[in-house]
């Protein structure tokens, strides 16, 4: 796995943080943290998108972010556990992993590599 895919995974992790922050932030520091998470998330997405196929990068980013957000809400915020949610998340992750596996990693050479 290249550094660019690691950037996508880190960006997705910060996506989970900022999405949860949008729901639960209630003061200056929580909103500041949410804002920082948004910036880190999108910077990682933009940097990876310059080197990898953007369609696949975005699908992986959103898929991992969605799965991470749903799982976090269940684990940390009392969202009801439903087996149907878990099965659908698994299906989503299978699709995301499949997209990553079938996408050739034609890293673009550029001045900012």
Protein backbone atom coordinates (compact mmCIF):
# COMPACT_ATOMS: atom_id res chain seq x y z
CA UNK A 1 0.00 0.00 0.00
CA UNK A 2 1.38 3.36 -0.97
CA UNK A 3 1.63 6.49 1.12
CA UNK A 4 -1.21 7.96 -0.94
CA UNK A 5 -3.65 5.25 0.18
CA UNK A 6 -2.52 5.81 3.76
CA UNK A 7 -3.47 9.48 3.26
CA UNK A 8 -6.94 8.36 2.17
CA UNK A 9 -7.34 6.19 5.28
CA UNK A 10 -6.17 9.01 7.56
CA UNK A 11 -8.50 11.43 5.78
CA UNK A 12 -11.39 8.99 6.34
CA UNK A 13 -10.51 8.72 10.03
CA UNK A 14 -10.66 12.50 10.37
CA UNK A 15 -13.92 12.48 8.40
CA UNK A 16 -15.44 10.32 11.13
CA UNK A 17 -14.18 12.79 13.74
CA UNK A 18 -15.61 15.86 12.03
CA UNK A 19 -18.95 14.25 11.20
CA UNK A 20 -19.38 13.28 14.85
CA UNK A 21 -18.18 16.76 15.79
CA UNK A 22 -20.89 18.37 13.67
CA UNK A 23 -23.50 16.54 15.71
CA UNK A 24 -21.98 16.80 19.17
CA UNK A 25 -19.97 20.06 19.23
CA UNK A 26 -21.39 22.59 21.65
CA UNK A 27 -18.61 24.99 22.57
CA UNK A 28 -15.66 26.86 21.14
CA UNK A 29 -13.09 24.07 21.61
CA UNK A 30 -15.29 21.31 20.22
CA UNK A 31 -16.11 23.44 17.20
CA UNK A 32 -12.42 24.32 16.80
CA UNK A 33 -11.54 20.62 16.91
CA UNK A 34 -14.25 19.86 14.35
CA UNK A 35 -12.89 22.57 12.06
CA UNK A 36 -9.33 21.22 12.34
CA UNK A 37 -10.60 17.70 11.57
CA UNK A 38 -12.40 19.02 8.45
CA UNK A 39 -9.22 20.71 7.24
CA UNK A 40 -7.02 17.64 7.85
CA UNK A 41 -9.59 15.36 6.25
CA UNK A 42 -9.94 17.35 3.06
CA UNK A 43 -6.22 18.07 2.77
CA UNK A 44 -5.54 14.32 2.88
CA UNK A 45 -8.25 13.71 0.29
CA UNK A 46 -6.90 16.44 -1.99
CA UNK A 47 -3.28 15.26 -1.70
CA UNK A 48 -4.20 11.64 -2.44
CA UNK A 49 -6.49 12.70 -5.30
CA UNK A 50 -3.59 14.40 -7.04
CA UNK A 51 -1.75 11.08 -7.31
CA UNK A 52 -4.50 8.43 -7.47
CA UNK A 53 -7.74 8.05 -9.49
CA UNK A 54 -10.08 10.54 -7.85
CA UNK A 55 -13.24 8.47 -8.35
CA UNK A 56 -11.80 5.55 -6.44
CA UNK A 57 -10.20 7.79 -3.82
CA UNK A 58 -13.50 9.52 -3.15
CA UNK A 59 -15.45 6.24 -3.01
CA UNK A 60 -12.98 4.77 -0.50
CA UNK A 61 -12.96 8.00 1.54
CA UNK A 62 -16.76 8.21 1.76
CA UNK A 63 -17.23 4.47 2.30
CA UNK A 64 -14.75 4.28 5.15
CA UNK A 65 -16.08 7.49 6.64
CA UNK A 66 -19.65 6.23 6.52
CA UNK A 67 -18.77 2.88 8.06
CA UNK A 68 -16.62 4.52 10.73
CA UNK A 69 -19.32 7.02 11.63
CA UNK A 70 -22.04 4.39 11.98
CA UNK A 71 -19.79 2.12 14.06
CA UNK A 72 -18.69 5.05 16.26
CA UNK A 73 -22.28 6.09 16.88
CA UNK A 74 -23.12 2.54 17.97
CA UNK A 75 -20.04 2.14 20.18
CA UNK A 76 -19.81 5.58 21.77
CA UNK A 77 -23.15 7.36 21.50
CA UNK A 78 -25.84 4.78 22.18
CA UNK A 79 -27.14 4.34 18.65
CA UNK A 80 -29.18 1.12 18.56
CA UNK A 81 -27.27 -1.94 17.34
CA UNK A 82 -29.03 -3.59 14.41
CA UNK A 83 -27.64 -6.56 12.57
CA UNK A 84 -29.02 -5.11 9.32
CA UNK A 85 -26.77 -2.04 9.78
CA UNK A 86 -23.72 -4.20 10.34
CA UNK A 87 -24.47 -6.35 7.28
CA UNK A 88 -24.92 -3.25 5.14
CA UNK A 89 -21.65 -1.76 6.43
CA UNK A 90 -19.90 -5.04 5.57
CA UNK A 91 -21.41 -4.89 2.09
CA UNK A 92 -20.26 -1.29 1.73
CA UNK A 93 -16.72 -2.15 2.86
CA UNK A 94 -16.57 -5.11 0.47
CA UNK A 95 -17.41 -2.72 -2.36
CA UNK A 96 -14.82 -0.17 -1.21
CA UNK A 97 -12.11 -2.82 -0.86
CA UNK A 98 -13.07 -4.23 -4.25
CA UNK A 99 -12.74 -0.81 -5.86
CA UNK A 100 -9.32 -0.34 -4.35
CA UNK A 101 -8.17 -3.79 -5.46
CA UNK A 102 -9.25 -3.37 -9.08
CA UNK A 103 -7.87 0.15 -9.44
CA UNK A 104 -4.42 0.36 -10.94
CA UNK A 105 -2.13 2.52 -8.90
CA UNK A 106 -0.87 4.77 -11.67
CA UNK A 107 0.72 7.37 -9.48
CA UNK A 108 1.09 10.61 -11.43
CA UNK A 109 4.55 12.05 -11.43
CA UNK A 110 4.54 15.74 -10.71
CA UNK A 111 6.44 18.59 -9.25
CA UNK A 112 4.91 18.16 -5.79
CA UNK A 113 5.72 14.50 -5.21
